[in-house]
Amino acid sequence: MIMGASIASVAWIAFYPWAKLKRLAELEASAEGREVGNSGSQGVDG
């Protein structure tokens, strides 16, 4: 059981940053599509 938890932990540490980087790239692409110099608003569509 400890071995399974350690494998899951390593998989999570390896996977989670890649998911964050993909989301960051999507946000940057949408920000470039809207306006280049939007004075620091970080993609909050409310």
Foldseek 3Di string as FASTA:
>chain_A
DVVVVVVVVVVCVVPVVVVVVVVVVVQVVVCVVPDDPPPDDRPDDD
